Amino acid sequence: MKLIRNIVVVLALILLGAALGLALGGREGERGEVAQTSSSASSAATRTRPAAPAATEISGAEGTNPPTATERSGAGGEGAEDEGAWGVVARVADGDTLTVRFDDGREETIRLLDVDTPETVHPTRPEECFGAQASEFTKTLMGQRVRVEEKGRDRYDRLLGYVWVEEDGGERLWNVRLLEEGLAVYNDFGNPGRYAERTRAAAEQAMLAGVGLWSACELGERPTVAPTRSVGAGCPQGCVSQPGPSCSIKGNVNTTRDTKIYHVEGESSSYGRVNMKEAEGDLWFCTRAEAEANGFRAPRQ
């Protein structure tokens, strides 16, 4: 009996141990499932939440930085920086004619557009009032870099152009500078350029202020007439080439006799015999008033 009782006790202990083992195993499983569920949720959250950008990505993002000085100012200035060609002034003939050696190696003589300075090197004319001052002023460009906007050529194969110079951190139009200083008059020779309104206004302002040649040159010396405001309004200072059929008055300069006579078509018997010569100062006019304002007179009968 004693043996049987011991066996029963042992079996009871074994069954109790098994029951406790099953209970403890179930609780560990539950904890494992909870931990696995939490881990899965965390992974899902990690997958759906956008990653924060790195500090370098924020500061370097396109469009967030302020524009540079170049971006703010753009091509600006008085002139368009992408137009024309750069070079160095190699020689100066007179106030409105200079030679530029361009960066591509070519060398060209430039005749400034819209301006006419008094003569200093004309083959048949004496030096004119304020011619020396105009030449000396343009000679200050010697060796300087300039930008040239071209507009074709004249009959002497010179480039017609606007010359820009670097000044005070920007660019200034030399054609305008000459006129502002009273060292030239406005004259487009019937062929105004893109800045004609600007050059014309500068010439008129200098004349009204009485600076430069407007303060010293006597009436009758070139140049003598005030510029007009409207582009293409006849030939107030004379045109080298006839601008149209309505401007048919020939202003003829006789260098031998030192006379200036205008001839009206259909009225002057010499009209057909007058050959216009720019080198001698011959000019076309649209009205008698224009011719007389420039010192030309009607022929004597």
C-alpha atoms as a PDB file:
ATOM      1  CA  MET A   1       0.000   0.000   0.000  1.00  0.00           C
ATOM      2  CA  LYS A   2       2.797   2.300   0.842  1.00  0.00           C
ATOM      3  CA  LEU A   3       4.329   1.754  -2.591  1.00  0.00           C
ATOM      4  CA  ILE A   4       1.050   2.472  -4.315  1.00  0.00           C
ATOM      5  CA  ARG A   5       0.641   5.686  -2.353  1.00  0.00           C
ATOM      6  CA  ASN A   6       4.140   6.856  -3.362  1.00  0.00           C
ATOM      7  CA  ILE A   7       3.406   6.133  -7.022  1.00  0.00           C
ATOM      8  CA  VAL A   8       0.186   8.154  -6.854  1.00  0.00           C
ATOM      9  CA  VAL A   9       2.045  11.078  -5.272  1.00  0.00           C
ATOM     10  CA  VAL A  10       4.697  10.986  -7.978  1.00  0.00           C
ATOM     11  CA  LEU A  11       2.081  10.896 -10.770  1.00  0.00           C
ATOM     12  CA  ALA A  12       0.214  13.768  -9.122  1.00  0.00           C
ATOM     13  CA  LEU A  13       3.392  15.813  -9.006  1.00  0.00           C
ATOM     14  CA  ILE A  14       4.113  15.008 -12.684  1.00  0.00           C
ATOM     15  CA  LEU A  15       0.614  16.072 -13.741  1.00  0.00           C
ATOM     16  CA  LEU A  16       0.853  19.254 -11.694  1.00  0.00           C
ATOM     17  CA  GLY A  17       4.201  20.091 -13.299  1.00  0.00           C
ATOM     18  CA  ALA A  18       2.784  19.507 -16.769  1.00  0.00           C
ATOM     19  CA  ALA A  19      -0.200  21.749 -16.018  1.00  0.00           C
ATOM     20  CA  LEU A  20       2.057  24.497 -14.753  1.00  0.00           C
ATOM     21  CA  GLY A  21       4.290  24.134 -17.819  1.00  0.00           C
ATOM     22  CA  LEU A  22       1.320  24.476 -20.183  1.00  0.00           C
ATOM     23  CA  ALA A  23       0.100  27.566 -18.356  1.00  0.00           C
ATOM     24  CA  LEU A  24       3.469  29.235 -18.449  1.00  0.00           C
ATOM     25  CA  GLY A  25       3.972  28.369 -22.141  1.00  0.00           C
ATOM     26  CA  GLY A  26       0.613  29.966 -23.068  1.00  0.00           C
ATOM     27  CA  ARG A  27       1.536  33.207 -21.345  1.00  0.00           C
ATOM     28  CA  GLU A  28       4.911  33.400 -23.135  1.00  0.00           C
ATOM     29  CA  GLY A  29       3.125  32.851 -26.462  1.00  0.00           C
ATOM     30  CA  GLU A  30       0.750  35.686 -25.759  1.00  0.00           C
ATOM     31  CA  ARG A  31       3.655  37.986 -24.912  1.00  0.00           C
ATOM     32  CA  GLY A  32       5.416  36.941 -28.143  1.00  0.00           C
ATOM     33  CA  GLU A  33       2.334  37.684 -30.242  1.00  0.00           C
ATOM     34  CA  VAL A  34       1.990  41.114 -28.631  1.00  0.00           C
ATOM     35  CA  ALA A  35       5.648  41.892 -29.257  1.00  0.00           C
ATOM     36  CA  GLN A  36       5.381  40.716 -32.881  1.00  0.00           C
ATOM     37  CA  THR A  37       2.247  42.834 -33.444  1.00  0.00           C
ATOM     38  CA  SER A  38       3.947  45.911 -31.987  1.00  0.00           C
ATOM     39  CA  SER A  39       7.005  45.353 -34.140  1.00  0.00           C
ATOM     40  CA  SER A  40       4.861  45.010 -37.284  1.00  0.00           C
ATOM     41  CA  ALA A  41       2.990  48.201 -36.491  1.00  0.00           C
ATOM     42  CA  SER A  42       6.245  50.036 -35.975  1.00  0.00           C
ATOM     43  CA  SER A  43       7.573  48.783 -39.307  1.00  0.00           C
ATOM     44  CA  ALA A  44       4.393  49.866 -41.071  1.00  0.00           C
ATOM     45  CA  ALA A  45       4.630  53.315 -39.536  1.00  0.00           C
ATOM     46  CA  THR A  46       8.229  53.547 -40.651  1.00  0.00           C
ATOM     47  CA  ARG A  47       7.229  52.622 -44.196  1.00  0.00           C
ATOM     48  CA  THR A  48       4.378  55.182 -44.452  1.00  0.00           C
ATOM     49  CA  ARG A  49       6.020  58.167 -42.668  1.00  0.00           C
ATOM     50  CA  PRO A  50       8.150  60.337 -45.126  1.00  0.00           C
ATOM     51  CA  ALA A  51      11.784  60.580 -44.156  1.00  0.00           C
ATOM     52  CA  ALA A  52      12.936  64.011 -42.978  1.00  0.00           C
ATOM     53  CA  PRO A  53      15.298  65.608 -45.517  1.00  0.00           C
ATOM     54  CA  ALA A  54      18.896  66.071 -44.593  1.00  0.00           C
ATOM     55  CA  ALA A  55      20.123  69.512 -43.628  1.00  0.00           C
ATOM     56  CA  THR A  56      22.059  69.835 -46.887  1.00  0.00           C
ATOM     57  CA  GLU A  57      18.932  69.028 -48.888  1.00  0.00           C
ATOM     58  CA  ILE A  58      16.990  71.811 -47.180  1.00  0.00           C
ATOM     59  CA  SER A  59      19.606  74.534 -47.616  1.00  0.00           C
ATOM     60  CA  GLY A  60      20.451  73.565 -51.181  1.00  0.00           C
ATOM     61  CA  ALA A  61      16.925  73.088 -52.481  1.00  0.00           C
ATOM     62  CA  GLU A  62      16.304  74.749 -55.822  1.00  0.00           C
ATOM     63  CA  GLY A  63      14.489  78.065 -55.543  1.00  0.00           C
ATOM     64  CA  THR A  64      15.107  78.549 -51.812  1.00  0.00           C
ATOM     65  CA  ASN A  65      18.359  80.483 -52.045  1.00  0.00           C
ATOM     66  CA  PRO A  66      18.225  84.263 -52.771  1.00  0.00           C
ATOM     67  CA  PRO A  67      19.306  85.185 -56.298  1.00  0.00           C
ATOM     68  CA  THR A  68      22.886  86.182 -56.851  1.00  0.00           C
ATOM     69  CA  ALA A  69      23.791  89.744 -57.812  1.00  0.00           C
ATOM     70  CA  THR A  70      24.054  88.631 -61.433  1.00  0.00           C
ATOM     71  CA  GLU A  71      20.595  87.072 -61.351  1.00  0.00           C
ATOM     72  CA  ARG A  72      19.093  90.186 -59.756  1.00  0.00           C
ATOM     73  CA  SER A  73      20.618  92.636 -62.166  1.00  0.00           C
ATOM     74  CA  GLY A  74      20.369  90.504 -65.297  1.00  0.00           C
ATOM     75  CA  ALA A  75      21.868  91.873 -68.505  1.00  0.00           C
ATOM     76  CA  GLY A  76      20.847  95.424 -67.536  1.00  0.00           C
ATOM     77  CA  GLY A  77      22.912  98.597 -67.939  1.00  0.00           C
ATOM     78  CA  GLU A  78      22.333 101.252 -70.557  1.00  0.00           C
ATOM     79  CA  GLY A  79      22.925  98.876 -73.387  1.00  0.00           C
ATOM     80  CA  ALA A  80      22.283  95.194 -74.080  1.00  0.00           C
ATOM     81  CA  GLU A  81      25.407  93.354 -72.960  1.00  0.00           C
ATOM     82  CA  ASP A  82      24.955  90.496 -75.421  1.00  0.00           C
ATOM     83  CA  GLU A  83      25.013  92.777 -78.475  1.00  0.00           C
ATOM     84  CA  GLY A  84      28.039  94.013 -80.347  1.00  0.00           C
ATOM     85  CA  ALA A  85      31.684  93.039 -80.128  1.00  0.00           C
ATOM     86  CA  TRP A  86      34.411  93.961 -77.648  1.00  0.00           C
ATOM     87  CA  GLY A  87      37.785  95.365 -78.548  1.00  0.00           C
ATOM     88  CA  VAL A  88      40.456  97.923 -77.692  1.00  0.00           C
ATOM     89  CA  VAL A  89      40.703 101.432 -79.132  1.00  0.00           C
ATOM     90  CA  ALA A  90      43.917 101.456 -81.184  1.00  0.00           C
ATOM     91  CA  ARG A  91      43.770 104.887 -82.875  1.00  0.00           C
ATOM     92  CA  VAL A  92      41.656 108.046 -82.946  1.00  0.00           C
ATOM     93  CA  ALA A  93      41.384 110.123 -86.120  1.00  0.00           C
ATOM     94  CA  ASP A  94      39.120 112.823 -84.714  1.00  0.00           C
ATOM     95  CA  GLY A  95      36.169 113.254 -82.400  1.00  0.00           C
ATOM     96  CA  ASP A  96      33.768 110.973 -84.249  1.00  0.00           C
ATOM     97  CA  THR A  97      36.147 108.484 -85.912  1.00  0.00           C
ATOM     98  CA  LEU A  98      38.273 105.861 -84.178  1.00  0.00           C
ATOM     99  CA  THR A  99      39.880 102.493 -84.895  1.00  0.00           C
ATOM    100  CA  VAL A 100      39.114  99.436 -82.759  1.00  0.00           C
ATOM    101  CA  ARG A 101      41.092  96.190 -82.616  1.00  0.00           C
ATOM    102  CA  PHE A 102      38.448  93.582 -81.818  1.00  0.00           C
ATOM    103  CA  ASP A 103      39.001  90.513 -79.698  1.00  0.00           C
ATOM    104  CA  ASP A 104      38.683  88.280 -82.765  1.00  0.00           C
ATOM    105  CA  GLY A 105      41.748  89.961 -84.304  1.00  0.00           C
ATOM    106  CA  ARG A 106      40.102  92.175 -86.917  1.00  0.00           C
ATOM    107  CA  GLU A 107      40.727  95.917 -86.925  1.00  0.00           C
ATOM    108  CA  GLU A 108      38.008  98.326 -88.049  1.00  0.00           C
ATOM    109  CA  THR A 109      37.563 102.085 -88.353  1.00  0.00           C
ATOM    110  CA  ILE A 110      34.353 103.147 -86.607  1.00  0.00           C
ATOM    111  CA  ARG A 111      32.337 106.226 -87.584  1.00  0.00           C
ATOM    112  CA  LEU A 112      30.084 107.114 -84.653  1.00  0.00           C
ATOM    113  CA  LEU A 113      26.374 107.150 -85.451  1.00  0.00           C
ATOM    114  CA  ASP A 114      24.157 110.209 -84.925  1.00  0.00           C
ATOM    115  CA  VAL A 115      27.025 112.597 -84.169  1.00  0.00           C
ATOM    116  CA  ASP A 116      29.116 115.044 -86.163  1.00  0.00           C
ATOM    117  CA  THR A 117      32.170 116.663 -84.581  1.00  0.00           C
ATOM    118  CA  PRO A 118      33.924 119.708 -86.067  1.00  0.00           C
ATOM    119  CA  GLU A 119      36.561 118.841 -88.655  1.00  0.00           C
ATOM    120  CA  THR A 120      40.248 118.581 -87.786  1.00  0.00           C
ATOM    121  CA  VAL A 121      41.668 116.300 -90.492  1.00  0.00           C
ATOM    122  CA  HIS A 122      39.535 117.140 -93.534  1.00  0.00           C
ATOM    123  CA  PRO A 123      41.649 117.258 -96.721  1.00  0.00           C
ATOM    124  CA  THR A 124      40.101 120.491 -98.013  1.00  0.00           C
ATOM    125  CA  ARG A 125      38.732 122.246 -94.903  1.00  0.00           C
ATOM    126  CA  PRO A 126      40.606 124.110 -92.180  1.00  0.00           C
ATOM    127  CA  GLU A 127      40.264 122.983 -88.590  1.00  0.00           C
ATOM    128  CA  GLU A 128      36.834 123.991 -87.343  1.00  0.00           C
ATOM    129  CA  CYS A 129      35.731 125.523 -84.089  1.00  0.00           C
ATOM    130  CA  PHE A 130      36.035 123.084 -81.157  1.00  0.00           C
ATOM    131  CA  GLY A 131      37.428 120.359 -83.430  1.00  0.00           C
ATOM    132  CA  ALA A 132      40.616 120.011 -81.366  1.00  0.00           C
ATOM    133  CA  GLN A 133      38.668 119.675 -78.107  1.00  0.00           C
ATOM    134  CA  ALA A 134      36.439 116.956 -79.593  1.00  0.00           C
ATOM    135  CA  SER A 135      39.466 115.021 -80.842  1.00  0.00           C
ATOM    136  CA  GLU A 136      41.266 115.244 -77.504  1.00  0.00           C
ATOM    137  CA  PHE A 137      38.160 114.060 -75.691  1.00  0.00           C
ATOM    138  CA  THR A 138      37.834 110.930 -77.834  1.00  0.00           C
ATOM    139  CA  LYS A 139      41.578 110.282 -77.563  1.00  0.00           C
ATOM    140  CA  THR A 140      41.021 109.566 -73.873  1.00  0.00           C
ATOM    141  CA  LEU A 141      39.637 106.225 -75.090  1.00  0.00           C
ATOM    142  CA  MET A 142      43.033 105.129 -76.423  1.00  0.00           C
ATOM    143  CA  GLY A 143      43.877 101.691 -75.036  1.00  0.00           C
ATOM    144  CA  GLN A 144      40.483 101.271 -73.406  1.00  0.00           C
ATOM    145  CA  ARG A 145      38.141  98.346 -73.961  1.00  0.00           C
ATOM    146  CA  VAL A 146      34.900  99.270 -75.699  1.00  0.00           C
ATOM    147  CA  ARG A 147      31.844  97.489 -77.035  1.00  0.00           C
ATOM    148  CA  VAL A 148      30.696  98.349 -80.543  1.00  0.00           C
ATOM    149  CA  GLU A 149      27.143  97.937 -81.836  1.00  0.00           C
ATOM    150  CA  GLU A 150      27.389  98.011 -85.613  1.00  0.00           C
ATOM    151  CA  LYS A 151      24.916  99.293 -88.178  1.00  0.00           C
ATOM    152  CA  GLY A 152      26.336  98.719 -91.623  1.00  0.00           C
ATOM    153  CA  ARG A 153      29.064 100.696 -93.379  1.00  0.00           C
ATOM    154  CA  ASP A 154      29.393 104.073 -95.053  1.00  0.00           C
ATOM    155  CA  ARG A 155      30.740 104.829 -98.522  1.00  0.00           C
ATOM    156  CA  TYR A 156      34.292 104.803 -97.159  1.00  0.00           C
ATOM    157  CA  ASP A 157      33.826 101.241 -95.839  1.00  0.00           C
ATOM    158  CA  ARG A 158      33.919 102.442 -92.230  1.00  0.00           C
ATOM    159  CA  LEU A 159      31.694 100.657 -89.728  1.00  0.00           C
ATOM    160  CA  LEU A 160      28.817 102.829 -88.536  1.00  0.00           C
ATOM    161  CA  GLY A 161      28.264 102.157 -84.880  1.00  0.00           C
ATOM    162  CA  TYR A 162      27.534 103.004 -81.288  1.00  0.00           C
ATOM    163  CA  VAL A 163      30.490 102.737 -78.924  1.00  0.00           C
ATOM    164  CA  TRP A 164      29.952 101.754 -75.289  1.00  0.00           C
ATOM    165  CA  VAL A 165      32.614 102.382 -72.650  1.00  0.00           C
ATOM    166  CA  GLU A 166      32.930 101.028 -69.127  1.00  0.00           C
ATOM    167  CA  GLU A 167      32.345 103.819 -66.621  1.00  0.00           C
ATOM    168  CA  ASP A 168      31.458 103.886 -62.904  1.00  0.00           C
ATOM    169  CA  GLY A 169      30.734 100.165 -62.790  1.00  0.00           C
ATOM    170  CA  GLY A 170      28.433 100.288 -65.805  1.00  0.00           C
ATOM    171  CA  GLU A 171      28.444 101.241 -69.471  1.00  0.00           C
ATOM    172  CA  ARG A 172      28.017 104.659 -71.076  1.00  0.00           C
ATOM    173  CA  LEU A 173      27.326 105.464 -74.706  1.00  0.00           C
ATOM    174  CA  TRP A 174      30.231 107.508 -76.048  1.00  0.00           C
ATOM    175  CA  ASN A 175      28.075 108.977 -78.806  1.00  0.00           C
ATOM    176  CA  VAL A 176      25.917 110.532 -76.086  1.00  0.00           C
ATOM    177  CA  ARG A 177      28.946 111.667 -74.036  1.00  0.00           C
ATOM    178  CA  LEU A 178      30.259 113.720 -76.962  1.00  0.00           C
ATOM    179  CA  LEU A 179      26.908 115.429 -77.369  1.00  0.00           C
ATOM    180  CA  GLU A 180      26.468 116.060 -73.645  1.00  0.00           C
ATOM    181  CA  GLU A 181      29.826 117.834 -73.508  1.00  0.00           C
ATOM    182  CA  GLY A 182      28.909 120.041 -76.467  1.00  0.00           C
ATOM    183  CA  LEU A 183      31.673 118.548 -78.598  1.00  0.00           C
ATOM    184  CA  ALA A 184      29.396 117.425 -81.438  1.00  0.00           C
ATOM    185  CA  VAL A 185      26.004 118.069 -82.967  1.00  0.00           C
ATOM    186  CA  TYR A 186      23.317 115.540 -83.722  1.00  0.00           C
ATOM    187  CA  ASN A 187      23.463 114.424 -87.345  1.00  0.00           C
ATOM    188  CA  ASP A 188      22.122 111.100 -88.574  1.00  0.00           C
ATOM    189  CA  PHE A 189      22.773 111.921 -92.267  1.00  0.00           C
ATOM    190  CA  GLY A 190      19.297 110.608 -93.055  1.00  0.00           C
ATOM    191  CA  ASN A 191      20.072 107.273 -91.388  1.00  0.00           C
ATOM    192  CA  PRO A 192      19.109 107.403 -87.673  1.00  0.00           C
ATOM    193  CA  GLY A 193      20.213 104.540 -85.436  1.00  0.00           C
ATOM    194  CA  ARG A 194      18.463 102.708 -82.602  1.00  0.00           C
ATOM    195  CA  TYR A 195      19.497 105.303 -79.991  1.00  0.00           C
ATOM    196  CA  ALA A 196      18.656 108.338 -82.129  1.00  0.00           C
ATOM    197  CA  GLU A 197      16.124 109.722 -79.662  1.00  0.00           C
ATOM    198  CA  ARG A 198      18.692 109.528 -76.850  1.00  0.00           C
ATOM    199  CA  THR A 199      21.454 111.190 -78.846  1.00  0.00           C
ATOM    200  CA  ARG A 200      19.119 113.850 -80.201  1.00  0.00           C
ATOM    201  CA  ALA A 201      17.935 114.748 -76.695  1.00  0.00           C
ATOM    202  CA  ALA A 202      21.536 114.980 -75.419  1.00  0.00           C
ATOM    203  CA  ALA A 203      22.454 117.344 -78.250  1.00  0.00           C
ATOM    204  CA  GLU A 204      19.502 119.597 -77.625  1.00  0.00           C
ATOM    205  CA  GLN A 205      20.191 119.748 -73.887  1.00  0.00           C
ATOM    206  CA  ALA A 206      23.793 120.802 -74.514  1.00  0.00           C
ATOM    207  CA  MET A 207      22.698 123.457 -76.965  1.00  0.00           C
ATOM    208  CA  LEU A 208      20.141 124.905 -74.563  1.00  0.00           C
ATOM    209  CA  ALA A 209      22.724 124.885 -71.763  1.00  0.00           C
ATOM    210  CA  GLY A 210      25.252 126.631 -74.006  1.00  0.00           C
ATOM    211  CA  VAL A 211      28.126 124.229 -73.310  1.00  0.00           C
ATOM    212  CA  GLY A 212      31.099 123.366 -75.504  1.00  0.00           C
ATOM    213  CA  LEU A 213      30.874 124.536 -79.088  1.00  0.00           C
ATOM    214  CA  TRP A 214      27.470 126.074 -78.400  1.00  0.00           C
ATOM    215  CA  SER A 215      29.217 128.636 -76.193  1.00  0.00           C
ATOM    216  CA  ALA A 216      32.138 129.515 -78.446  1.00  0.00           C
ATOM    217  CA  CYS A 217      31.481 128.855 -82.131  1.00  0.00           C
ATOM    218  CA  GLU A 218      30.126 131.692 -84.231  1.00  0.00           C
ATOM    219  CA  LEU A 219      27.078 131.350 -86.432  1.00  0.00           C
ATOM    220  CA  GLY A 220      28.212 130.224 -89.838  1.00  0.00           C
ATOM    221  CA  GLU A 221      30.810 127.801 -88.533  1.00  0.00           C
ATOM    222  CA  ARG A 222      29.844 124.169 -88.558  1.00  0.00           C
ATOM    223  CA  PRO A 223      27.811 123.035 -86.761  1.00  0.00           C
ATOM    224  CA  THR A 224      25.212 125.793 -86.561  1.00  0.00           C
ATOM    225  CA  VAL A 225      21.701 124.385 -86.218  1.00  0.00           C
ATOM    226  CA  ALA A 226      19.742 123.063 -83.302  1.00  0.00           C
ATOM    227  CA  PRO A 227      18.758 119.406 -83.431  1.00  0.00           C
ATOM    228  CA  THR A 228      15.081 118.525 -83.756  1.00  0.00           C
ATOM    229  CA  ARG A 229      13.188 116.117 -81.543  1.00  0.00           C
ATOM    230  CA  SER A 230      11.376 113.983 -84.085  1.00  0.00           C
ATOM    231  CA  VAL A 231      13.296 111.284 -85.943  1.00  0.00           C
ATOM    232  CA  GLY A 232      13.055 111.461 -89.721  1.00  0.00           C
ATOM    233  CA  ALA A 233      11.754 115.043 -89.857  1.00  0.00           C
ATOM    234  CA  GLY A 234      13.518 116.204 -93.002  1.00  0.00           C
ATOM    235  CA  CYS A 235      17.198 117.166 -93.047  1.00  0.00           C
ATOM    236  CA  PRO A 236      17.554 119.956 -90.449  1.00  0.00           C
ATOM    237  CA  GLN A 237      21.335 119.672 -90.536  1.00  0.00           C
ATOM    238  CA  GLY A 238      21.614 118.381 -94.083  1.00  0.00           C
ATOM    239  CA  CYS A 239      21.677 114.783 -95.295  1.00  0.00           C
ATOM    240  CA  VAL A 240      24.673 113.188 -96.958  1.00  0.00           C
ATOM    241  CA  SER A 241      22.405 110.934 -99.026  1.00  0.00           C
ATOM    242  CA  GLN A 242      19.093 112.035-100.461  1.00  0.00           C
ATOM    243  CA  PRO A 243      16.481 110.579 -98.057  1.00  0.00           C
ATOM    244  CA  GLY A 244      13.621 110.766-100.567  1.00  0.00           C
ATOM    245  CA  PRO A 245      12.228 112.490-103.663  1.00  0.00           C
ATOM    246  CA  SER A 246      10.691 115.281-101.580  1.00  0.00           C
ATOM    247  CA  CYS A 247      14.137 116.276-100.282  1.00  0.00           C
ATOM    248  CA  SER A 248      15.651 117.348-103.570  1.00  0.00           C
ATOM    249  CA  ILE A 249      17.397 120.634-102.733  1.00  0.00           C
ATOM    250  CA  LYS A 250      21.139 120.390-103.403  1.00  0.00           C
ATOM    251  CA  GLY A 251      23.444 122.263-101.057  1.00  0.00           C
ATOM    252  CA  ASN A 252      26.672 122.773-102.970  1.00  0.00           C
ATOM    253  CA  VAL A 253      29.949 123.887-101.385  1.00  0.00           C
ATOM    254  CA  ASN A 254      32.488 125.549-103.677  1.00  0.00           C
ATOM    255  CA  THR A 255      35.776 125.059-101.806  1.00  0.00           C
ATOM    256  CA  THR A 256      37.677 127.233-104.294  1.00  0.00           C
ATOM    257  CA  ARG A 257      35.431 130.259-103.909  1.00  0.00           C
ATOM    258  CA  ASP A 258      34.392 129.406-100.357  1.00  0.00           C
ATOM    259  CA  THR A 259      30.698 129.705-101.165  1.00  0.00           C
ATOM    260  CA  LYS A 260      27.690 127.642-100.120  1.00  0.00           C
ATOM    261  CA  ILE A 261      24.778 127.736-102.576  1.00  0.00           C
ATOM    262  CA  TYR A 262      21.604 125.676-102.637  1.00  0.00           C
ATOM    263  CA  HIS A 263      19.851 124.708-105.878  1.00  0.00           C
ATOM    264  CA  VAL A 264      16.138 123.960-106.167  1.00  0.00           C
ATOM    265  CA  GLU A 265      15.036 121.501-108.836  1.00  0.00           C
ATOM    266  CA  GLY A 266      13.124 123.269-111.625  1.00  0.00           C
ATOM    267  CA  GLU A 267      14.319 126.699-110.523  1.00  0.00           C
ATOM    268  CA  SER A 268      18.105 126.680-110.669  1.00  0.00           C
ATOM    269  CA  SER A 269      19.668 126.457-114.134  1.00  0.00           C
ATOM    270  CA  SER A 270      22.712 124.759-112.557  1.00  0.00           C
ATOM    271  CA  TYR A 271      20.711 122.032-110.785  1.00  0.00           C
ATOM    272  CA  GLY A 272      21.466 119.276-113.277  1.00  0.00           C
ATOM    273  CA  ARG A 273      25.188 120.092-113.363  1.00  0.00           C
ATOM    274  CA  VAL A 274      25.694 119.906-109.605  1.00  0.00           C
ATOM    275  CA  ASN A 275      27.317 116.607-108.628  1.00  0.00           C
ATOM    276  CA  MET A 276      26.919 115.991-104.922  1.00  0.00           C
ATOM    277  CA  LYS A 277      30.274 115.415-103.193  1.00  0.00           C
ATOM    278  CA  GLU A 278      30.166 114.520 -99.502  1.00  0.00           C
ATOM    279  CA  ALA A 279      33.916 115.007 -99.124  1.00  0.00           C
ATOM    280  CA  GLU A 280      33.499 118.669-100.034  1.00  0.00           C
ATOM    281  CA  GLY A 281      30.560 119.207 -97.668  1.00  0.00           C
ATOM    282  CA  ASP A 282      27.664 118.959-100.136  1.00  0.00           C
ATOM    283  CA  LEU A 283      24.354 118.211 -98.419  1.00  0.00           C
ATOM    284  CA  TRP A 284      20.752 117.484 -99.342  1.00  0.00           C
ATOM    285  CA  PHE A 285      17.881 119.507 -97.873  1.00  0.00           C
ATOM    286  CA  CYS A 286      14.110 119.211 -97.864  1.00  0.00           C
ATOM    287  CA  THR A 287      13.304 122.929 -97.560  1.00  0.00           C
ATOM    288  CA  ARG A 288      14.927 126.268 -98.310  1.00  0.00           C
ATOM    289  CA  ALA A 289      14.763 127.091 -94.597  1.00  0.00           C
ATOM    290  CA  GLU A 290      16.926 124.070 -93.775  1.00  0.00           C
ATOM    291  CA  ALA A 291      19.527 125.051 -96.381  1.00  0.00           C
ATOM    292  CA  GLU A 292      19.632 128.680 -95.236  1.00  0.00           C
ATOM    293  CA  ALA A 293      19.899 127.658 -91.567  1.00  0.00           C
ATOM    294  CA  ASN A 294      23.065 125.772 -92.504  1.00  0.00           C
ATOM    295  CA  GLY A 295      24.633 128.771 -94.197  1.00  0.00           C
ATOM    296  CA  PHE A 296      23.662 128.060 -97.834  1.00  0.00           C
ATOM    297  CA  ARG A 297      22.199 130.829-100.001  1.00  0.00           C
ATOM    298  CA  ALA A 298      20.144 130.878-103.151  1.00  0.00           C
ATOM    299  CA  PRO A 299      22.060 131.414-106.418  1.00  0.00           C
ATOM    300  CA  ARG A 300      22.232 134.988-107.674  1.00  0.00           C
ATOM    301  CA  GLN A 301      20.265 135.690-110.836  1.00  0.00           C
END
